[in-house]
Amino acid sequence: MTGKDVVKLLQKKGWVIDRVHGSHYIMKNGNQTETIPVHSKKDLPTGLLNSINKRTGI
């Protein structure tokens, strides 16, 4: 799953893009913030994807 895919999935779950700093999308949901790296069309590493999943609940 690429970073762009994660951003789209989070947006469907109610997260909004707060700002973009370089190739990192900073997304917010209430008072919770998550940074998603969107460097290239490569898949995100499994460990990073799992930690984003745990923190956001996707």
C-alpha atoms as a PDB file:
ATOM      1  CA  MET A   1       0.000   0.000   0.000  1.00  0.00           C
ATOM      2  CA  THR A   2       1.476   3.340  -1.016  1.00  0.00           C
ATOM      3  CA  GLY A   3       1.383   6.541   0.994  1.00  0.00           C
ATOM      4  CA  LYS A   4      -1.213   7.993  -1.387  1.00  0.00           C
ATOM      5  CA  ASP A   5      -3.445   4.958  -0.759  1.00  0.00           C
ATOM      6  CA  VAL A   6      -3.169   5.474   3.002  1.00  0.00           C
ATOM      7  CA  VAL A   7      -4.094   9.159   2.640  1.00  0.00           C
ATOM      8  CA  LYS A   8      -7.188   8.260   0.582  1.00  0.00           C
ATOM      9  CA  LEU A   9      -8.214   5.591   3.091  1.00  0.00           C
ATOM     10  CA  LEU A  10      -7.831   7.974   6.027  1.00  0.00           C
ATOM     11  CA  GLN A  11      -9.889  10.616   4.213  1.00  0.00           C
ATOM     12  CA  LYS A  12     -12.718   8.100   3.811  1.00  0.00           C
ATOM     13  CA  LYS A  13     -12.540   7.504   7.588  1.00  0.00           C
ATOM     14  CA  GLY A  14     -12.978  11.214   8.360  1.00  0.00           C
ATOM     15  CA  TRP A  15      -9.372  12.401   8.557  1.00  0.00           C
ATOM     16  CA  VAL A  16      -8.536  15.689   6.822  1.00  0.00           C
ATOM     17  CA  ILE A  17      -5.275  16.929   5.329  1.00  0.00           C
ATOM     18  CA  ASP A  18      -4.074  19.692   7.646  1.00  0.00           C
ATOM     19  CA  ARG A  19      -0.973  20.591   5.650  1.00  0.00           C
ATOM     20  CA  VAL A  20       1.695  19.170   3.370  1.00  0.00           C
ATOM     21  CA  HIS A  21       5.334  19.630   4.303  1.00  0.00           C
ATOM     22  CA  GLY A  22       7.513  18.431   1.450  1.00  0.00           C
ATOM     23  CA  SER A  23       6.503  14.854   0.757  1.00  0.00           C
ATOM     24  CA  HIS A  24       4.779  14.314   4.123  1.00  0.00           C
ATOM     25  CA  TYR A  25       1.034  14.719   4.535  1.00  0.00           C
ATOM     26  CA  ILE A  26       0.024  15.827   8.029  1.00  0.00           C
ATOM     27  CA  MET A  27      -3.518  14.638   8.678  1.00  0.00           C
ATOM     28  CA  LYS A  28      -5.842  15.461  11.560  1.00  0.00           C
ATOM     29  CA  ASN A  29      -8.883  13.877  13.137  1.00  0.00           C
ATOM     30  CA  GLY A  30     -10.055  15.916  16.113  1.00  0.00           C
ATOM     31  CA  ASN A  31      -6.992  16.450  18.279  1.00  0.00           C
ATOM     32  CA  GLN A  32      -5.106  13.444  16.834  1.00  0.00           C
ATOM     33  CA  THR A  33      -2.382  14.048  14.237  1.00  0.00           C
ATOM     34  CA  GLU A  34      -0.683  11.554  11.920  1.00  0.00           C
ATOM     35  CA  THR A  35       2.133  12.078   9.415  1.00  0.00           C
ATOM     36  CA  ILE A  36       2.023  10.001   6.235  1.00  0.00           C
ATOM     37  CA  PRO A  37       5.121   9.867   4.004  1.00  0.00           C
ATOM     38  CA  VAL A  38       4.298  10.025   0.284  1.00  0.00           C
ATOM     39  CA  HIS A  39       7.773   9.719  -1.212  1.00  0.00           C
ATOM     40  CA  SER A  40       7.194   7.631  -4.311  1.00  0.00           C
ATOM     41  CA  LYS A  41       4.981   4.984  -5.822  1.00  0.00           C
ATOM     42  CA  LYS A  42       6.658   2.316  -3.687  1.00  0.00           C
ATOM     43  CA  ASP A  43       4.750   0.530  -0.956  1.00  0.00           C
ATOM     44  CA  LEU A  44       5.263   1.712   2.608  1.00  0.00           C
ATOM     45  CA  PRO A  45       7.356  -0.618   4.779  1.00  0.00           C
ATOM     46  CA  THR A  46       5.269  -3.150   6.685  1.00  0.00           C
ATOM     47  CA  GLY A  47       6.316  -1.912  10.132  1.00  0.00           C
ATOM     48  CA  LEU A  48       5.410   1.695   9.322  1.00  0.00           C
ATOM     49  CA  LEU A  49       2.075   0.641   7.875  1.00  0.00           C
ATOM     50  CA  ASN A  50       1.311  -1.398  10.996  1.00  0.00           C
ATOM     51  CA  SER A  51       2.131   1.511  13.328  1.00  0.00           C
ATOM     52  CA  ILE A  52      -0.033   3.915  11.308  1.00  0.00           C
ATOM     53  CA  ASN A  53      -2.794   1.321  11.480  1.00  0.00           C
ATOM     54  CA  LYS A  54      -2.510   1.009  15.271  1.00  0.00           C
ATOM     55  CA  ARG A  55      -2.517   4.767  15.845  1.00  0.00           C
ATOM     56  CA  THR A  56      -5.365   5.601  13.449  1.00  0.00           C
ATOM     57  CA  GLY A  57      -7.498   2.486  13.667  1.00  0.00           C
ATOM     58  CA  ILE A  58      -7.832   1.883   9.933  1.00  0.00           C
END
